[in-house]
């Protein structure tokens, strides 16, 4: 009988573990592993022990599952100090679960799932000492447990079982703690579909919450259905030319400077660089200093005449660099003797 039981267990294990990946995906198989604490019958020469265990479980309905499990470890002998006995237990059993067995990602099934287990098994004790004889027995077992669904695939389990030795007429008790991984298909949670709502102007905001019901098509709106401010761009450029070897701002540029000052007052968070230049006539160092004085002359007029905060203005002299015209002609040199500024500001309408 023991050999028949072992052969049946081996066959079930082989079938479960050798299935093709596609078949496994279509079958509700669970891998179980963990630790067990064994409380031996008082008539055994063994001390209670903890041991690892592993198993497979195959659910063939929402409530019923078949399981196979195996545990093996060395237990200390009580009457022979310093020696131990290899203890083996293999079980085939049936489990009955309260609640839906196959869970899904939304955890709509029962998360805490009690179960009962009933099965038969093979038990052996093989003493690791001189004169010890191996014993092999048939067992039946029954127990109660609970499984906690952690995710759609992972769960933890705890159960207690009494193991009745048919051949020796004694009882052991085992507490199993396990971590379980479900291999089968997981039913995805249904995706909720929002009910359609009236939206007369098609701006994506329901009429019930739309504060601007007649928004023109293709208009960007806020959460209240009203048009978002349209970004506008304002810009201004300043160019002041200077006489040869001069840093005096000519009167004909006063209007241009006034327009720049107005722009700066409108956009009072904007700073500006005032850049001065010269032609190529004369000493390079001198021209660098002259370009700086020209830039500073424009800054002084913006500050003293128009009241612009000096911290918003930066005078920078670039000397002979970056000519805008040829320095080979008088007209080109006149164009290069200049101060320039450029601003572009984006703002809401």
C-alpha atoms as a PDB file:
ATOM      1  CA  UNK A   1       0.000   0.000   0.000  1.00  0.00           C
ATOM      2  CA  UNK A   2       2.849   2.367   0.846  1.00  0.00           C
ATOM      3  CA  UNK A   3       4.467   1.759  -2.516  1.00  0.00           C
ATOM      4  CA  UNK A   4       1.169   2.330  -4.273  1.00  0.00           C
ATOM      5  CA  UNK A   5       0.683   5.610  -2.400  1.00  0.00           C
ATOM      6  CA  UNK A   6       4.206   6.812  -3.240  1.00  0.00           C
ATOM      7  CA  UNK A   7       3.715   5.867  -6.879  1.00  0.00           C
ATOM      8  CA  UNK A   8       0.437   7.804  -7.016  1.00  0.00           C
ATOM      9  CA  UNK A   9       2.013  10.832  -5.363  1.00  0.00           C
ATOM     10  CA  UNK A  10       4.972  10.744  -7.724  1.00  0.00           C
ATOM     11  CA  UNK A  11       2.635  10.495 -10.709  1.00  0.00           C
ATOM     12  CA  UNK A  12       0.581  13.484  -9.596  1.00  0.00           C
ATOM     13  CA  UNK A  13       3.726  15.519  -8.933  1.00  0.00           C
ATOM     14  CA  UNK A  14       5.145  14.587 -12.324  1.00  0.00           C
ATOM     15  CA  UNK A  15       1.934  15.549 -14.116  1.00  0.00           C
ATOM     16  CA  UNK A  16       1.708  18.916 -12.370  1.00  0.00           C
ATOM     17  CA  UNK A  17       5.364  19.884 -12.783  1.00  0.00           C
ATOM     18  CA  UNK A  18       5.789  18.649 -16.370  1.00  0.00           C
ATOM     19  CA  UNK A  19       2.786  20.457 -17.861  1.00  0.00           C
ATOM     20  CA  UNK A  20       3.550  22.835 -20.740  1.00  0.00           C
ATOM     21  CA  UNK A  21       3.590  26.546 -19.826  1.00  0.00           C
ATOM     22  CA  UNK A  22       0.369  27.148 -21.796  1.00  0.00           C
ATOM     23  CA  UNK A  23      -1.391  24.401 -19.907  1.00  0.00           C
ATOM     24  CA  UNK A  24      -0.173  25.761 -16.582  1.00  0.00           C
ATOM     25  CA  UNK A  25      -1.474  29.219 -17.485  1.00  0.00           C
ATOM     26  CA  UNK A  26      -4.907  27.677 -18.110  1.00  0.00           C
ATOM     27  CA  UNK A  27      -4.911  25.605 -14.910  1.00  0.00           C
ATOM     28  CA  UNK A  28      -5.380  26.991 -11.381  1.00  0.00           C
ATOM     29  CA  UNK A  29      -2.157  25.614  -9.874  1.00  0.00           C
ATOM     30  CA  UNK A  30      -0.687  27.054  -6.685  1.00  0.00           C
ATOM     31  CA  UNK A  31       2.886  26.537  -5.460  1.00  0.00           C
ATOM     32  CA  UNK A  32       3.081  26.222  -1.673  1.00  0.00           C
ATOM     33  CA  UNK A  33       6.148  26.427   0.569  1.00  0.00           C
ATOM     34  CA  UNK A  34       6.908  27.370   4.145  1.00  0.00           C
ATOM     35  CA  UNK A  35       7.751  26.073   7.603  1.00  0.00           C
ATOM     36  CA  UNK A  36       5.975  23.508   9.755  1.00  0.00           C
ATOM     37  CA  UNK A  37       6.222  22.761  13.463  1.00  0.00           C
ATOM     38  CA  UNK A  38       5.851  19.086  14.358  1.00  0.00           C
ATOM     39  CA  UNK A  39       4.423  17.984  17.722  1.00  0.00           C
ATOM     40  CA  UNK A  40       5.239  14.274  17.936  1.00  0.00           C
ATOM     41  CA  UNK A  41       3.209  11.671  19.745  1.00  0.00           C
ATOM     42  CA  UNK A  42       4.469  11.036  23.290  1.00  0.00           C
ATOM     43  CA  UNK A  43       5.252   7.396  22.502  1.00  0.00           C
ATOM     44  CA  UNK A  44       7.864   8.385  19.915  1.00  0.00           C
ATOM     45  CA  UNK A  45      11.503   8.817  20.865  1.00  0.00           C
ATOM     46  CA  UNK A  46      11.552  12.245  19.166  1.00  0.00           C
ATOM     47  CA  UNK A  47      11.710  15.868  20.201  1.00  0.00           C
ATOM     48  CA  UNK A  48       9.302  18.355  18.618  1.00  0.00           C
ATOM     49  CA  UNK A  49      10.891  20.129  15.646  1.00  0.00           C
ATOM     50  CA  UNK A  50      10.423  22.765  12.946  1.00  0.00           C
ATOM     51  CA  UNK A  51      10.947  21.757   9.323  1.00  0.00           C
ATOM     52  CA  UNK A  52      10.582  23.230   5.838  1.00  0.00           C
ATOM     53  CA  UNK A  53       7.840  21.916   3.568  1.00  0.00           C
ATOM     54  CA  UNK A  54       6.729  22.358  -0.037  1.00  0.00           C
ATOM     55  CA  UNK A  55       3.761  21.354  -2.133  1.00  0.00           C
ATOM     56  CA  UNK A  56       1.447  21.852  -5.083  1.00  0.00           C
ATOM     57  CA  UNK A  57      -2.256  22.552  -5.149  1.00  0.00           C
ATOM     58  CA  UNK A  58      -4.669  22.138  -8.048  1.00  0.00           C
ATOM     59  CA  UNK A  59      -8.098  23.760  -7.834  1.00  0.00           C
ATOM     60  CA  UNK A  60     -10.668  21.954  -9.974  1.00  0.00           C
ATOM     61  CA  UNK A  61     -13.646  24.038  -8.841  1.00  0.00           C
ATOM     62  CA  UNK A  62     -14.287  27.254  -6.987  1.00  0.00           C
ATOM     63  CA  UNK A  63     -14.325  25.459  -3.649  1.00  0.00           C
ATOM     64  CA  UNK A  64     -12.382  22.205  -4.061  1.00  0.00           C
ATOM     65  CA  UNK A  65      -8.650  21.645  -4.567  1.00  0.00           C
ATOM     66  CA  UNK A  66      -6.296  18.671  -4.498  1.00  0.00           C
ATOM     67  CA  UNK A  67      -2.918  19.021  -2.819  1.00  0.00           C
ATOM     68  CA  UNK A  68       0.352  17.162  -2.550  1.00  0.00           C
ATOM     69  CA  UNK A  69       2.947  18.123   0.065  1.00  0.00           C
ATOM     70  CA  UNK A  70       6.307  16.918   1.291  1.00  0.00           C
ATOM     71  CA  UNK A  71       8.341  17.549   4.445  1.00  0.00           C
ATOM     72  CA  UNK A  72      11.616  15.991   5.591  1.00  0.00           C
ATOM     73  CA  UNK A  73      14.064  16.838   8.374  1.00  0.00           C
ATOM     74  CA  UNK A  74      16.075  15.379  11.252  1.00  0.00           C
ATOM     75  CA  UNK A  75      14.481  15.204  14.702  1.00  0.00           C
ATOM     76  CA  UNK A  76      16.558  14.783  17.855  1.00  0.00           C
ATOM     77  CA  UNK A  77      16.128  11.524  19.725  1.00  0.00           C
ATOM     78  CA  UNK A  78      15.082  11.894  23.362  1.00  0.00           C
ATOM     79  CA  UNK A  79      16.396   8.557  24.655  1.00  0.00           C
ATOM     80  CA  UNK A  80      19.615   8.621  22.649  1.00  0.00           C
ATOM     81  CA  UNK A  81      21.229  12.044  23.205  1.00  0.00           C
ATOM     82  CA  UNK A  82      23.397  13.259  20.361  1.00  0.00           C
ATOM     83  CA  UNK A  83      21.566  11.213  17.743  1.00  0.00           C
ATOM     84  CA  UNK A  84      18.689  12.058  15.456  1.00  0.00           C
ATOM     85  CA  UNK A  85      16.143  10.455  13.175  1.00  0.00           C
ATOM     86  CA  UNK A  86      15.253  11.435   9.635  1.00  0.00           C
ATOM     87  CA  UNK A  87      11.491  11.986   9.529  1.00  0.00           C
ATOM     88  CA  UNK A  88       9.612  12.116   6.209  1.00  0.00           C
ATOM     89  CA  UNK A  89       5.952  12.899   5.557  1.00  0.00           C
ATOM     90  CA  UNK A  90       4.309  12.979   2.115  1.00  0.00           C
ATOM     91  CA  UNK A  91       0.614  13.812   1.867  1.00  0.00           C
ATOM     92  CA  UNK A  92      -2.120  13.661  -0.745  1.00  0.00           C
ATOM     93  CA  UNK A  93      -5.265  15.468   0.233  1.00  0.00           C
ATOM     94  CA  UNK A  94      -8.364  17.455  -0.593  1.00  0.00           C
ATOM     95  CA  UNK A  95      -9.147  21.000   0.512  1.00  0.00           C
ATOM     96  CA  UNK A  96     -12.513  22.670   0.759  1.00  0.00           C
ATOM     97  CA  UNK A  97     -12.456  26.488   0.687  1.00  0.00           C
ATOM     98  CA  UNK A  98     -15.150  28.786   1.980  1.00  0.00           C
ATOM     99  CA  UNK A  99     -15.494  31.568  -0.610  1.00  0.00           C
ATOM    100  CA  UNK A 100     -14.293  31.920  -4.195  1.00  0.00           C
ATOM    101  CA  UNK A 101     -11.007  30.101  -4.804  1.00  0.00           C
ATOM    102  CA  UNK A 102      -9.834  31.965  -7.946  1.00  0.00           C
ATOM    103  CA  UNK A 103      -9.287  35.616  -7.071  1.00  0.00           C
ATOM    104  CA  UNK A 104      -8.818  38.651  -9.313  1.00  0.00           C
ATOM    105  CA  UNK A 105      -6.830  41.901  -9.228  1.00  0.00           C
ATOM    106  CA  UNK A 106      -9.635  43.886  -7.648  1.00  0.00           C
ATOM    107  CA  UNK A 107      -9.826  41.449  -4.685  1.00  0.00           C
ATOM    108  CA  UNK A 108     -13.576  41.241  -5.140  1.00  0.00           C
ATOM    109  CA  UNK A 109     -13.506  37.696  -3.790  1.00  0.00           C
ATOM    110  CA  UNK A 110     -13.118  36.833  -0.124  1.00  0.00           C
ATOM    111  CA  UNK A 111      -9.676  37.906   1.141  1.00  0.00           C
ATOM    112  CA  UNK A 112      -9.704  35.764   4.302  1.00  0.00           C
ATOM    113  CA  UNK A 113     -10.608  32.243   3.195  1.00  0.00           C
ATOM    114  CA  UNK A 114     -11.054  29.451   5.758  1.00  0.00           C
ATOM    115  CA  UNK A 115     -10.586  25.873   4.588  1.00  0.00           C
ATOM    116  CA  UNK A 116     -10.761  22.272   5.751  1.00  0.00           C
ATOM    117  CA  UNK A 117      -8.329  19.572   4.627  1.00  0.00           C
ATOM    118  CA  UNK A 118      -8.553  15.764   4.588  1.00  0.00           C
ATOM    119  CA  UNK A 119      -5.961  13.374   3.189  1.00  0.00           C
ATOM    120  CA  UNK A 120      -3.713  10.344   3.415  1.00  0.00           C
ATOM    121  CA  UNK A 121       0.033  10.052   3.481  1.00  0.00           C
ATOM    122  CA  UNK A 122       3.270   8.187   3.806  1.00  0.00           C
ATOM    123  CA  UNK A 123       5.303   8.521   7.015  1.00  0.00           C
ATOM    124  CA  UNK A 124       8.795   7.180   7.747  1.00  0.00           C
ATOM    125  CA  UNK A 125      11.361   7.374  10.566  1.00  0.00           C
ATOM    126  CA  UNK A 126      14.967   6.423   9.764  1.00  0.00           C
ATOM    127  CA  UNK A 127      17.222   6.587  12.880  1.00  0.00           C
ATOM    128  CA  UNK A 128      20.751   7.846  12.258  1.00  0.00           C
ATOM    129  CA  UNK A 129      22.311   5.561  14.889  1.00  0.00           C
ATOM    130  CA  UNK A 130      23.642   2.048  15.146  1.00  0.00           C
ATOM    131  CA  UNK A 131      20.916  -0.532  15.603  1.00  0.00           C
ATOM    132  CA  UNK A 132      18.135   1.809  14.533  1.00  0.00           C
ATOM    133  CA  UNK A 133      15.559   0.385  12.129  1.00  0.00           C
ATOM    134  CA  UNK A 134      13.628   2.380   9.570  1.00  0.00           C
ATOM    135  CA  UNK A 135       9.866   2.479  10.046  1.00  0.00           C
ATOM    136  CA  UNK A 136       7.384   3.184   7.218  1.00  0.00           C
ATOM    137  CA  UNK A 137       3.730   3.767   7.925  1.00  0.00           C
ATOM    138  CA  UNK A 138       0.485   4.907   6.331  1.00  0.00           C
ATOM    139  CA  UNK A 139      -1.214   7.974   7.763  1.00  0.00           C
ATOM    140  CA  UNK A 140      -4.476   9.861   7.411  1.00  0.00           C
ATOM    141  CA  UNK A 141      -4.786  13.513   8.319  1.00  0.00           C
ATOM    142  CA  UNK A 142      -7.416  16.180   8.889  1.00  0.00           C
ATOM    143  CA  UNK A 143      -7.202  19.823   9.761  1.00  0.00           C
ATOM    144  CA  UNK A 144      -8.490  23.378   9.548  1.00  0.00           C
ATOM    145  CA  UNK A 145      -6.759  26.467   8.221  1.00  0.00           C
ATOM    146  CA  UNK A 146      -7.094  29.914   6.750  1.00  0.00           C
ATOM    147  CA  UNK A 147      -5.567  31.587   3.691  1.00  0.00           C
ATOM    148  CA  UNK A 148      -5.071  35.345   3.434  1.00  0.00           C
ATOM    149  CA  UNK A 149      -5.063  36.715  -0.129  1.00  0.00           C
ATOM    150  CA  UNK A 150      -2.219  39.260  -0.288  1.00  0.00           C
ATOM    151  CA  UNK A 151      -2.505  39.992  -4.035  1.00  0.00           C
ATOM    152  CA  UNK A 152      -4.137  38.313  -7.013  1.00  0.00           C
ATOM    153  CA  UNK A 153      -1.289  35.756  -6.999  1.00  0.00           C
ATOM    154  CA  UNK A 154       0.354  35.747  -3.558  1.00  0.00           C
ATOM    155  CA  UNK A 155      -1.255  34.508  -0.358  1.00  0.00           C
ATOM    156  CA  UNK A 156      -0.226  33.338   3.100  1.00  0.00           C
ATOM    157  CA  UNK A 157      -1.693  30.302   4.828  1.00  0.00           C
ATOM    158  CA  UNK A 158      -1.813  28.808   8.317  1.00  0.00           C
ATOM    159  CA  UNK A 159      -3.365  25.492   9.291  1.00  0.00           C
ATOM    160  CA  UNK A 160      -3.158  22.824  11.976  1.00  0.00           C
ATOM    161  CA  UNK A 161      -3.526  19.102  11.218  1.00  0.00           C
ATOM    162  CA  UNK A 162      -3.687  15.921  13.200  1.00  0.00           C
ATOM    163  CA  UNK A 163      -1.721  13.060  11.613  1.00  0.00           C
ATOM    164  CA  UNK A 164      -3.094   9.621  12.531  1.00  0.00           C
ATOM    165  CA  UNK A 165      -0.674   6.739  12.040  1.00  0.00           C
ATOM    166  CA  UNK A 166      -2.793   3.828  10.806  1.00  0.00           C
ATOM    167  CA  UNK A 167      -0.085   1.251  11.518  1.00  0.00           C
ATOM    168  CA  UNK A 168       0.969   2.487  14.980  1.00  0.00           C
ATOM    169  CA  UNK A 169      -2.397   3.914  16.136  1.00  0.00           C
ATOM    170  CA  UNK A 170      -0.881   7.188  17.408  1.00  0.00           C
ATOM    171  CA  UNK A 171      -1.312  10.878  16.558  1.00  0.00           C
ATOM    172  CA  UNK A 172       1.079  13.659  15.669  1.00  0.00           C
ATOM    173  CA  UNK A 173       0.077  17.308  15.246  1.00  0.00           C
ATOM    174  CA  UNK A 174       1.588  19.658  12.673  1.00  0.00           C
ATOM    175  CA  UNK A 175       1.118  23.417  12.256  1.00  0.00           C
ATOM    176  CA  UNK A 176       1.829  24.594   8.703  1.00  0.00           C
ATOM    177  CA  UNK A 177       2.775  28.202   7.859  1.00  0.00           C
ATOM    178  CA  UNK A 178       3.033  28.829   4.120  1.00  0.00           C
ATOM    179  CA  UNK A 179       3.542  31.365   1.363  1.00  0.00           C
ATOM    180  CA  UNK A 180       1.614  30.505  -1.771  1.00  0.00           C
ATOM    181  CA  UNK A 181       1.955  31.606  -5.420  1.00  0.00           C
ATOM    182  CA  UNK A 182      -0.891  31.123  -7.894  1.00  0.00           C
ATOM    183  CA  UNK A 183       0.214  30.192 -11.454  1.00  0.00           C
ATOM    184  CA  UNK A 184      -3.084  30.186 -13.337  1.00  0.00           C
ATOM    185  CA  UNK A 185      -4.851  32.933 -15.242  1.00  0.00           C
ATOM    186  CA  UNK A 186      -5.962  35.953 -13.241  1.00  0.00           C
ATOM    187  CA  UNK A 187      -9.250  37.520 -14.234  1.00  0.00           C
ATOM    188  CA  UNK A 188      -8.674  41.263 -14.713  1.00  0.00           C
ATOM    189  CA  UNK A 189     -10.923  43.639 -12.863  1.00  0.00           C
ATOM    190  CA  UNK A 190     -13.556  45.271 -15.053  1.00  0.00           C
ATOM    191  CA  UNK A 191     -12.640  48.792 -16.092  1.00  0.00           C
ATOM    192  CA  UNK A 192     -15.327  51.207 -14.949  1.00  0.00           C
ATOM    193  CA  UNK A 193     -16.822  53.231 -17.779  1.00  0.00           C
ATOM    194  CA  UNK A 194     -17.904  56.727 -16.925  1.00  0.00           C
ATOM    195  CA  UNK A 195     -21.446  57.554 -17.901  1.00  0.00           C
ATOM    196  CA  UNK A 196     -21.745  60.081 -20.708  1.00  0.00           C
ATOM    197  CA  UNK A 197     -22.973  63.518 -19.746  1.00  0.00           C
ATOM    198  CA  UNK A 198     -24.482  66.329 -21.851  1.00  0.00           C
ATOM    199  CA  UNK A 199     -21.777  68.654 -23.250  1.00  0.00           C
ATOM    200  CA  UNK A 200     -23.427  71.100 -25.610  1.00  0.00           C
ATOM    201  CA  UNK A 201     -20.318  73.022 -26.668  1.00  0.00           C
ATOM    202  CA  UNK A 202     -18.066  69.937 -26.841  1.00  0.00           C
ATOM    203  CA  UNK A 203     -15.344  71.384 -24.620  1.00  0.00           C
ATOM    204  CA  UNK A 204     -15.061  68.275 -22.423  1.00  0.00           C
ATOM    205  CA  UNK A 205     -16.847  69.814 -19.420  1.00  0.00           C
ATOM    206  CA  UNK A 206     -20.352  68.556 -18.631  1.00  0.00           C
ATOM    207  CA  UNK A 207     -23.048  71.193 -19.030  1.00  0.00           C
ATOM    208  CA  UNK A 208     -23.950  70.688 -15.377  1.00  0.00           C
ATOM    209  CA  UNK A 209     -20.533  72.081 -14.365  1.00  0.00           C
ATOM    210  CA  UNK A 210     -19.865  74.344 -17.374  1.00  0.00           C
ATOM    211  CA  UNK A 211     -19.781  78.036 -16.474  1.00  0.00           C
ATOM    212  CA  UNK A 212     -19.320  79.016 -20.154  1.00  0.00           C
ATOM    213  CA  UNK A 213     -21.822  76.989 -22.183  1.00  0.00           C
ATOM    214  CA  UNK A 214     -21.162  78.549 -25.595  1.00  0.00           C
ATOM    215  CA  UNK A 215     -17.395  78.159 -25.873  1.00  0.00           C
ATOM    216  CA  UNK A 216     -16.298  78.250 -29.551  1.00  0.00           C
ATOM    217  CA  UNK A 217     -14.983  74.967 -31.015  1.00  0.00           C
ATOM    218  CA  UNK A 218     -11.328  74.025 -30.404  1.00  0.00           C
ATOM    219  CA  UNK A 219     -10.999  76.514 -27.551  1.00  0.00           C
ATOM    220  CA  UNK A 220      -8.813  75.484 -24.624  1.00  0.00           C
ATOM    221  CA  UNK A 221     -10.851  75.666 -21.414  1.00  0.00           C
ATOM    222  CA  UNK A 222     -10.270  75.334 -17.684  1.00  0.00           C
ATOM    223  CA  UNK A 223     -12.072  72.985 -15.287  1.00  0.00           C
ATOM    224  CA  UNK A 224     -15.123  75.288 -15.261  1.00  0.00           C
ATOM    225  CA  UNK A 225     -15.456  75.151 -19.051  1.00  0.00           C
ATOM    226  CA  UNK A 226     -14.337  78.750 -19.591  1.00  0.00           C
ATOM    227  CA  UNK A 227     -11.618  79.724 -22.098  1.00  0.00           C
ATOM    228  CA  UNK A 228      -8.068  79.753 -20.809  1.00  0.00           C
ATOM    229  CA  UNK A 229      -6.149  83.004 -21.248  1.00  0.00           C
ATOM    230  CA  UNK A 230      -4.462  83.214 -24.637  1.00  0.00           C
ATOM    231  CA  UNK A 231      -0.746  83.883 -24.391  1.00  0.00           C
ATOM    232  CA  UNK A 232       0.369  87.084 -26.118  1.00  0.00           C
ATOM    233  CA  UNK A 233       3.888  88.270 -26.928  1.00  0.00           C
ATOM    234  CA  UNK A 234       5.045  91.880 -26.626  1.00  0.00           C
ATOM    235  CA  UNK A 235       8.456  92.968 -27.881  1.00  0.00           C
ATOM    236  CA  UNK A 236      10.513  96.111 -28.299  1.00  0.00           C
ATOM    237  CA  UNK A 237      13.909  96.950 -29.766  1.00  0.00           C
ATOM    238  CA  UNK A 238      16.071  99.981 -29.143  1.00  0.00           C
ATOM    239  CA  UNK A 239      18.941 101.246 -31.294  1.00  0.00           C
ATOM    240  CA  UNK A 240      20.724 104.514 -30.479  1.00  0.00           C
ATOM    241  CA  UNK A 241      23.566 105.661 -32.730  1.00  0.00           C
ATOM    242  CA  UNK A 242      26.341 107.956 -31.528  1.00  0.00           C
ATOM    243  CA  UNK A 243      28.612 110.544 -33.117  1.00  0.00           C
ATOM    244  CA  UNK A 244      32.297 109.669 -33.520  1.00  0.00           C
ATOM    245  CA  UNK A 245      34.124 109.429 -30.183  1.00  0.00           C
ATOM    246  CA  UNK A 246      30.956 110.546 -28.320  1.00  0.00           C
ATOM    247  CA  UNK A 247      28.903 109.083 -25.481  1.00  0.00           C
ATOM    248  CA  UNK A 248      26.157 111.728 -25.615  1.00  0.00           C
ATOM    249  CA  UNK A 249      22.627 110.521 -26.433  1.00  0.00           C
ATOM    250  CA  UNK A 250      21.250 112.609 -29.286  1.00  0.00           C
ATOM    251  CA  UNK A 251      17.846 114.244 -28.872  1.00  0.00           C
ATOM    252  CA  UNK A 252      16.363 112.369 -31.834  1.00  0.00           C
ATOM    253  CA  UNK A 253      16.446 109.176 -29.749  1.00  0.00           C
ATOM    254  CA  UNK A 254      14.568 110.576 -26.751  1.00  0.00           C
ATOM    255  CA  UNK A 255      11.222 109.297 -28.062  1.00  0.00           C
ATOM    256  CA  UNK A 256      12.634 105.790 -28.540  1.00  0.00           C
ATOM    257  CA  UNK A 257      13.970 105.817 -25.003  1.00  0.00           C
ATOM    258  CA  UNK A 258      10.574 106.948 -23.719  1.00  0.00           C
ATOM    259  CA  UNK A 259       8.899 103.998 -25.478  1.00  0.00           C
ATOM    260  CA  UNK A 260      11.365 101.594 -23.886  1.00  0.00           C
ATOM    261  CA  UNK A 261      10.689 103.139 -20.479  1.00  0.00           C
ATOM    262  CA  UNK A 262       6.928 102.729 -20.997  1.00  0.00           C
ATOM    263  CA  UNK A 263       7.449  99.081 -21.929  1.00  0.00           C
ATOM    264  CA  UNK A 264       9.552  98.489 -18.798  1.00  0.00           C
ATOM    265  CA  UNK A 265       6.899 100.099 -16.603  1.00  0.00           C
ATOM    266  CA  UNK A 266       4.188  97.915 -18.111  1.00  0.00           C
ATOM    267  CA  UNK A 267       6.212  94.765 -17.532  1.00  0.00           C
ATOM    268  CA  UNK A 268       7.807  95.694 -14.248  1.00  0.00           C
ATOM    269  CA  UNK A 269       9.251  92.239 -13.530  1.00  0.00           C
ATOM    270  CA  UNK A 270      11.507  92.305 -16.594  1.00  0.00           C
ATOM    271  CA  UNK A 271      15.202  93.251 -16.587  1.00  0.00           C
ATOM    272  CA  UNK A 272      17.129  94.371 -19.653  1.00  0.00           C
ATOM    273  CA  UNK A 273      20.737  94.494 -20.843  1.00  0.00           C
ATOM    274  CA  UNK A 274      21.850  97.767 -22.486  1.00  0.00           C
ATOM    275  CA  UNK A 275      24.686  96.889 -24.872  1.00  0.00           C
ATOM    276  CA  UNK A 276      27.190  99.459 -26.170  1.00  0.00           C
ATOM    277  CA  UNK A 277      29.479  99.225 -29.237  1.00  0.00           C
ATOM    278  CA  UNK A 278      32.019 101.280 -31.235  1.00  0.00           C
ATOM    279  CA  UNK A 279      33.509 101.260 -34.703  1.00  0.00           C
ATOM    280  CA  UNK A 280      37.037  99.984 -35.282  1.00  0.00           C
ATOM    281  CA  UNK A 281      38.780 103.347 -35.371  1.00  0.00           C
ATOM    282  CA  UNK A 282      41.214 103.944 -32.526  1.00  0.00           C
ATOM    283  CA  UNK A 283      42.709 101.913 -29.703  1.00  0.00           C
ATOM    284  CA  UNK A 284      40.861  98.718 -28.813  1.00  0.00           C
ATOM    285  CA  UNK A 285      41.078  99.332 -25.054  1.00  0.00           C
ATOM    286  CA  UNK A 286      39.840 102.883 -25.460  1.00  0.00           C
ATOM    287  CA  UNK A 287      36.943 101.690 -27.619  1.00  0.00           C
ATOM    288  CA  UNK A 288      35.982  99.143 -24.948  1.00  0.00           C
ATOM    289  CA  UNK A 289      35.734 101.917 -22.386  1.00  0.00           C
ATOM    290  CA  UNK A 290      33.844 104.171 -24.828  1.00  0.00           C
ATOM    291  CA  UNK A 291      31.268 101.444 -25.514  1.00  0.00           C
ATOM    292  CA  UNK A 292      30.730 101.028 -21.770  1.00  0.00           C
ATOM    293  CA  UNK A 293      30.182 104.807 -21.364  1.00  0.00           C
ATOM    294  CA  UNK A 294      27.656 104.831 -24.201  1.00  0.00           C
ATOM    295  CA  UNK A 295      25.682 101.988 -22.598  1.00  0.00           C
ATOM    296  CA  UNK A 296      25.819 103.731 -19.241  1.00  0.00           C
ATOM    297  CA  UNK A 297      24.575 107.003 -20.815  1.00  0.00           C
ATOM    298  CA  UNK A 298      21.389 105.251 -21.975  1.00  0.00           C
ATOM    299  CA  UNK A 299      20.937 103.623 -18.573  1.00  0.00           C
ATOM    300  CA  UNK A 300      21.329 106.993 -16.826  1.00  0.00           C
ATOM    301  CA  UNK A 301      18.666 108.552 -19.031  1.00  0.00           C
ATOM    302  CA  UNK A 302      16.209 105.717 -18.347  1.00  0.00           C
ATOM    303  CA  UNK A 303      16.835 106.073 -14.603  1.00  0.00           C
ATOM    304  CA  UNK A 304      17.057 109.855 -14.227  1.00  0.00           C
ATOM    305  CA  UNK A 305      14.529 110.932 -16.833  1.00  0.00           C
ATOM    306  CA  UNK A 306      11.996 108.092 -16.769  1.00  0.00           C
ATOM    307  CA  UNK A 307      12.322 106.709 -13.237  1.00  0.00           C
ATOM    308  CA  UNK A 308      13.260 103.128 -14.106  1.00  0.00           C
ATOM    309  CA  UNK A 309      14.740 101.139 -11.203  1.00  0.00           C
ATOM    310  CA  UNK A 310      18.503 100.919 -11.894  1.00  0.00           C
ATOM    311  CA  UNK A 311      18.594  97.348 -10.553  1.00  0.00           C
ATOM    312  CA  UNK A 312      16.630  96.295 -13.646  1.00  0.00           C
ATOM    313  CA  UNK A 313      19.187  97.734 -16.057  1.00  0.00           C
ATOM    314  CA  UNK A 314      22.650  96.423 -16.888  1.00  0.00           C
ATOM    315  CA  UNK A 315      25.108  98.432 -18.989  1.00  0.00           C
ATOM    316  CA  UNK A 316      27.578  96.252 -20.908  1.00  0.00           C
ATOM    317  CA  UNK A 317      30.287  97.507 -23.296  1.00  0.00           C
ATOM    318  CA  UNK A 318      31.398  95.238 -26.138  1.00  0.00           C
ATOM    319  CA  UNK A 319      33.891  97.583 -27.811  1.00  0.00           C
ATOM    320  CA  UNK A 320      34.558  96.883 -31.475  1.00  0.00           C
ATOM    321  CA  UNK A 321      33.021  93.392 -31.447  1.00  0.00           C
ATOM    322  CA  UNK A 322      29.887  92.346 -33.348  1.00  0.00           C
ATOM    323  CA  UNK A 323      29.785  95.032 -36.043  1.00  0.00           C
ATOM    324  CA  UNK A 324      26.463  95.297 -37.911  1.00  0.00           C
ATOM    325  CA  UNK A 325      28.075  96.945 -40.938  1.00  0.00           C
ATOM    326  CA  UNK A 326      31.467  97.246 -42.613  1.00  0.00           C
ATOM    327  CA  UNK A 327      34.021  99.416 -40.857  1.00  0.00           C
ATOM    328  CA  UNK A 328      35.604 100.174 -44.259  1.00  0.00           C
ATOM    329  CA  UNK A 329      33.077 102.938 -45.000  1.00  0.00           C
ATOM    330  CA  UNK A 330      31.960 106.019 -43.095  1.00  0.00           C
ATOM    331  CA  UNK A 331      28.340 104.869 -43.318  1.00  0.00           C
ATOM    332  CA  UNK A 332      29.198 101.457 -41.919  1.00  0.00           C
ATOM    333  CA  UNK A 333      31.234 102.907 -39.071  1.00  0.00           C
ATOM    334  CA  UNK A 334      28.301 105.225 -38.191  1.00  0.00           C
ATOM    335  CA  UNK A 335      26.028 102.158 -37.927  1.00  0.00           C
ATOM    336  CA  UNK A 336      28.488 100.385 -35.643  1.00  0.00           C
ATOM    337  CA  UNK A 337      28.684 103.284 -33.150  1.00  0.00           C
ATOM    338  CA  UNK A 338      25.552 102.242 -31.277  1.00  0.00           C
ATOM    339  CA  UNK A 339      23.701 101.096 -28.163  1.00  0.00           C
ATOM    340  CA  UNK A 340      21.156  98.298 -28.495  1.00  0.00           C
ATOM    341  CA  UNK A 341      18.504  96.633 -26.341  1.00  0.00           C
ATOM    342  CA  UNK A 342      15.897  94.000 -27.140  1.00  0.00           C
ATOM    343  CA  UNK A 343      13.018  92.626 -25.045  1.00  0.00           C
ATOM    344  CA  UNK A 344      10.315  90.030 -25.650  1.00  0.00           C
ATOM    345  CA  UNK A 345       7.675  89.290 -23.021  1.00  0.00           C
ATOM    346  CA  UNK A 346       4.924  86.656 -23.044  1.00  0.00           C
ATOM    347  CA  UNK A 347       1.743  87.541 -21.163  1.00  0.00           C
ATOM    348  CA  UNK A 348      -1.880  86.458 -20.864  1.00  0.00           C
ATOM    349  CA  UNK A 349      -4.544  88.344 -22.709  1.00  0.00           C
END
